Amino acid sequence: MNKRTVSIVITALIIGTLIVMMVKSNIETEPIDTVFAVADSTTIEYEPGLEKGNTPPDFELSTLSGDMVKLTDYKGKKVILNFWASWCGPCKAEMPHMQRYYEKNKDSANVEIIAVNLTTAERGGIGGIEKFVDAYGLTFPIPLDNNGEVMDTYNILPIPTTYMISTDGTIKQKIIGPMDEKTINELVDNLD
C-alpha cells in the first residue's frame, strides 16, 4: 500500500470513530430534573429557551397539504420535534425509523412527530419535498419553514436535529444526528 492509501484509510477510521462517539453521546440520556411547584400549583412557569427544562419557542407553520401546525397545540402530548431536509443523507436514513415508530405508537403512546422541513435549504423546492414524502410514505405532520425563521430561532445547523418535548411542554433532550426506531422508543419512554 502506498502512503496516500494508508493516509486515506487512517483518516476514514478517525472520522468514523468520531461520528460513532457523537451519535453514542447523543443517545445517552441524563436523569430528568424534578420540577417543584410553588404554593399555587395551578400553573408552573418554565423558562423559555432551547436547553433542557426550557419551554421551546412556539411557531405556526403550514404543511404541504395546507394544514397549520402550532407547537403549543401539542402540549399534553409527547412531541418529537425534528428538523430535516430531503438532500440530507442522515435524514434519509432516519425517516423510515421515524415512520415505523409513528405507525406503531401514534395512538397508544400519546406521541406526535412534527418533522419541520428546512424549506429554504431545499434544492428541489416543494416538488422535491413532495417526492421525498411520497417515497418514504411519511404520514406525520411536516410543516414547511418557508422563510427559515424557525430554523434561525432554534439555531439549527447540523441536521437532523431533534428535540424531545414532554407532556408539560418542556425540552427533555436534544439529539443531533439520526435516530433509529430503538433509540426513538427509549427517548420517548423517558418523557413524562
Protein backbone atom coordinates (compact mmCIF):
# COMPACT_ATOMS: atom_id res chain seq x y z
CA MET A 1 0.00 0.00 0.00
CA ASN A 2 1.27 3.43 -0.79
CA LYS A 3 1.37 6.28 1.72
CA ARG A 4 -1.64 8.06 0.24
CA THR A 5 -3.88 5.00 0.59
CA VAL A 6 -2.74 4.48 4.18
CA SER A 7 -3.47 8.16 4.93
CA ILE A 8 -6.97 7.89 3.46
CA VAL A 9 -7.73 4.73 5.46
CA ILE A 10 -6.50 6.29 8.71
CA THR A 11 -8.48 9.48 8.07
CA ALA A 12 -11.64 7.47 7.33
CA LEU A 13 -11.19 5.47 10.55
CA ILE A 14 -10.74 8.62 12.63
CA ILE A 15 -13.81 10.29 11.10
CA GLY A 16 -15.87 7.11 11.56
CA THR A 17 -14.82 6.84 15.20
CA LEU A 18 -15.75 10.48 15.84
CA ILE A 19 -19.19 10.01 14.25
CA VAL A 20 -19.85 6.89 16.35
CA MET A 21 -18.77 8.73 19.51
CA MET A 22 -21.02 11.71 18.66
CA VAL A 23 -24.08 9.55 17.95
CA LYS A 24 -23.49 7.47 21.09
CA SER A 25 -23.20 10.56 23.28
CA ASN A 26 -26.41 11.95 21.76
CA ILE A 27 -28.46 8.87 22.64
CA GLU A 28 -27.30 8.57 26.22
CA THR A 29 -29.99 10.13 28.37
CA GLU A 30 -29.42 12.09 31.51
CA PRO A 31 -31.72 11.89 34.55
CA ILE A 32 -34.64 14.27 34.37
CA ASP A 33 -34.57 17.01 36.96
CA THR A 34 -37.57 17.27 39.26
CA VAL A 35 -39.65 20.42 38.93
CA PHE A 36 -41.22 21.73 42.14
CA ALA A 37 -44.42 23.76 42.02
CA VAL A 38 -44.91 26.86 44.11
CA ALA A 39 -47.72 27.10 46.66
CA ASP A 40 -50.20 27.96 43.90
CA SER A 41 -49.79 24.83 41.77
CA THR A 42 -52.39 25.75 39.16
CA THR A 43 -49.68 26.82 36.72
CA ILE A 44 -45.98 26.18 36.52
CA GLU A 45 -43.92 28.69 34.59
CA TYR A 46 -40.94 27.42 32.64
CA GLU A 47 -38.10 29.47 31.29
CA PRO A 48 -38.33 29.89 27.52
CA GLY A 49 -35.30 28.69 25.55
CA LEU A 50 -33.61 25.76 23.86
CA GLU A 51 -32.00 24.00 26.83
CA LYS A 52 -33.21 21.04 28.85
CA GLY A 53 -36.12 22.14 31.05
CA ASN A 54 -36.94 25.18 28.90
CA THR A 55 -40.17 25.77 27.03
CA PRO A 56 -39.21 25.72 23.33
CA PRO A 57 -40.13 28.70 21.16
CA ASP A 58 -43.62 28.41 19.69
CA PHE A 59 -44.19 28.53 15.94
CA GLU A 60 -47.02 28.15 13.48
CA LEU A 61 -46.24 26.71 10.04
CA SER A 62 -48.23 25.34 7.12
CA THR A 63 -47.83 21.74 5.92
CA LEU A 64 -47.71 20.51 2.31
CA SER A 65 -51.48 19.94 2.48
CA GLY A 66 -52.12 23.45 3.84
CA ASP A 67 -52.88 22.42 7.44
CA MET A 68 -51.50 24.69 10.14
CA VAL A 69 -49.21 23.24 12.81
CA LYS A 70 -48.66 25.20 16.02
CA LEU A 71 -46.27 23.68 18.55
CA THR A 72 -48.21 24.81 21.64
CA ASP A 73 -51.30 22.96 20.35
CA TYR A 74 -49.48 19.72 21.21
CA LYS A 75 -49.00 20.45 24.92
CA GLY A 76 -50.18 17.37 26.80
CA LYS A 77 -48.59 15.06 24.22
CA LYS A 78 -45.05 13.78 23.96
CA VAL A 79 -43.55 15.55 20.94
CA ILE A 80 -40.65 14.54 18.72
CA LEU A 81 -39.72 17.85 17.05
CA ASN A 82 -37.42 17.02 14.14
CA PHE A 83 -35.64 19.35 11.69
CA TRP A 84 -34.60 17.92 8.30
CA ALA A 85 -34.06 18.44 4.55
CA SER A 86 -34.59 15.99 1.68
CA TRP A 87 -30.95 16.11 0.46
CA CYS A 88 -29.55 15.22 3.92
CA GLY A 89 -28.15 11.65 3.99
CA PRO A 90 -28.62 11.11 7.76
CA CYS A 91 -32.19 12.47 7.43
CA LYS A 92 -32.87 9.89 4.71
CA ALA A 93 -31.54 7.14 7.00
CA GLU A 94 -33.67 8.33 9.92
CA MET A 95 -37.05 8.85 8.22
CA PRO A 96 -38.03 5.17 7.77
CA HIS A 97 -37.36 4.61 11.50
CA MET A 98 -39.48 7.62 12.44
CA GLN A 99 -42.33 6.47 10.18
CA ARG A 100 -42.30 2.92 11.59
CA TYR A 101 -42.28 4.28 15.14
CA TYR A 102 -45.13 6.66 14.32
CA GLU A 103 -47.29 3.95 12.73
CA LYS A 104 -46.87 1.71 15.78
CA ASN A 105 -47.23 4.34 18.52
CA LYS A 106 -49.09 7.47 17.41
CA ASP A 107 -52.33 6.43 19.10
CA SER A 108 -51.20 4.33 22.04
CA ALA A 109 -48.19 6.31 23.29
CA ASN A 110 -49.70 9.85 23.32
CA VAL A 111 -46.89 10.93 20.99
CA GLU A 112 -46.66 13.15 17.93
CA ILE A 113 -43.84 13.60 15.43
CA ILE A 114 -43.53 17.08 13.96
CA ALA A 115 -40.89 16.98 11.22
CA VAL A 116 -40.11 20.58 10.21
CA ASN A 117 -38.68 20.76 6.70
CA LEU A 118 -35.98 23.41 6.33
CA THR A 119 -37.55 24.60 3.11
CA THR A 120 -35.08 27.43 2.50
CA ALA A 121 -32.30 24.81 2.39
CA GLU A 122 -34.13 22.57 -0.10
CA ARG A 123 -32.60 22.13 -3.52
CA GLY A 124 -35.65 20.67 -5.28
CA GLY A 125 -38.26 23.06 -3.94
CA ILE A 126 -41.73 21.93 -2.89
CA GLY A 127 -41.75 19.27 -5.63
CA GLY A 128 -38.62 17.69 -4.16
CA ILE A 129 -40.17 17.65 -0.69
CA GLU A 130 -43.37 16.04 -2.04
CA LYS A 131 -41.34 13.34 -3.82
CA PHE A 132 -39.38 12.64 -0.62
CA VAL A 133 -42.56 12.40 1.49
CA ASP A 134 -44.17 10.06 -1.07
CA ALA A 135 -41.05 7.90 -1.45
CA TYR A 136 -40.81 7.34 2.31
CA GLY A 137 -44.58 7.11 2.88
CA LEU A 138 -44.46 9.74 5.62
CA THR A 139 -47.76 10.30 7.44
CA PHE A 140 -46.76 12.53 10.36
CA PRO A 141 -47.11 16.34 10.13
CA ILE A 142 -44.42 18.02 8.01
CA PRO A 143 -44.54 21.79 8.49
CA LEU A 144 -42.61 23.88 5.96
CA ASP A 145 -40.20 26.52 7.28
CA ASN A 146 -40.52 28.58 4.09
CA ASN A 147 -38.60 31.63 5.29
CA GLY A 148 -36.04 29.97 7.60
CA GLU A 149 -37.39 31.78 10.66
CA VAL A 150 -37.94 28.64 12.77
CA MET A 151 -34.53 27.26 11.70
CA ASP A 152 -32.94 30.50 12.93
CA THR A 153 -34.98 30.59 16.15
CA TYR A 154 -33.91 27.03 17.00
CA ASN A 155 -30.28 27.62 15.90
CA ILE A 156 -30.39 24.61 13.58
CA LEU A 157 -27.01 23.97 11.98
CA PRO A 158 -26.39 20.23 11.64
CA ILE A 159 -29.34 18.15 10.53
CA PRO A 160 -31.15 16.14 11.51
CA THR A 161 -31.66 17.81 14.87
CA THR A 162 -34.44 16.60 17.15
CA TYR A 163 -35.95 17.94 20.36
CA MET A 164 -37.79 15.55 22.67
CA ILE A 165 -40.57 17.52 24.39
CA SER A 166 -42.51 16.17 27.38
CA THR A 167 -46.23 16.48 28.05
CA ASP A 168 -45.66 19.61 30.15
CA GLY A 169 -44.27 21.32 27.05
CA THR A 170 -40.62 21.42 28.14
CA ILE A 171 -37.49 20.14 26.39
CA LYS A 172 -36.12 16.93 27.89
CA GLN A 173 -33.45 16.05 25.30
CA LYS A 174 -31.79 17.40 22.17
CA ILE A 175 -30.37 14.93 19.66
CA ILE A 176 -28.05 15.89 16.82
CA GLY A 177 -27.79 13.20 14.18
CA PRO A 178 -30.00 10.34 13.02
CA MET A 179 -32.01 8.11 15.33
CA ASP A 180 -33.18 4.56 14.78
CA GLU A 181 -36.51 3.14 15.97
CA LYS A 182 -34.99 1.61 19.12
CA THR A 183 -33.47 4.96 20.14
CA ILE A 184 -36.75 6.77 19.49
CA ASN A 185 -38.57 4.23 21.70
CA GLU A 186 -36.05 4.71 24.52
CA LEU A 187 -36.18 8.50 24.32
CA VAL A 188 -39.99 8.64 24.25
CA ASP A 189 -40.17 6.19 27.17
CA ASN A 190 -38.12 8.70 29.21
CA LEU A 191 -40.62 11.51 28.57
CA ASP A 192 -43.41 12.20 31.05
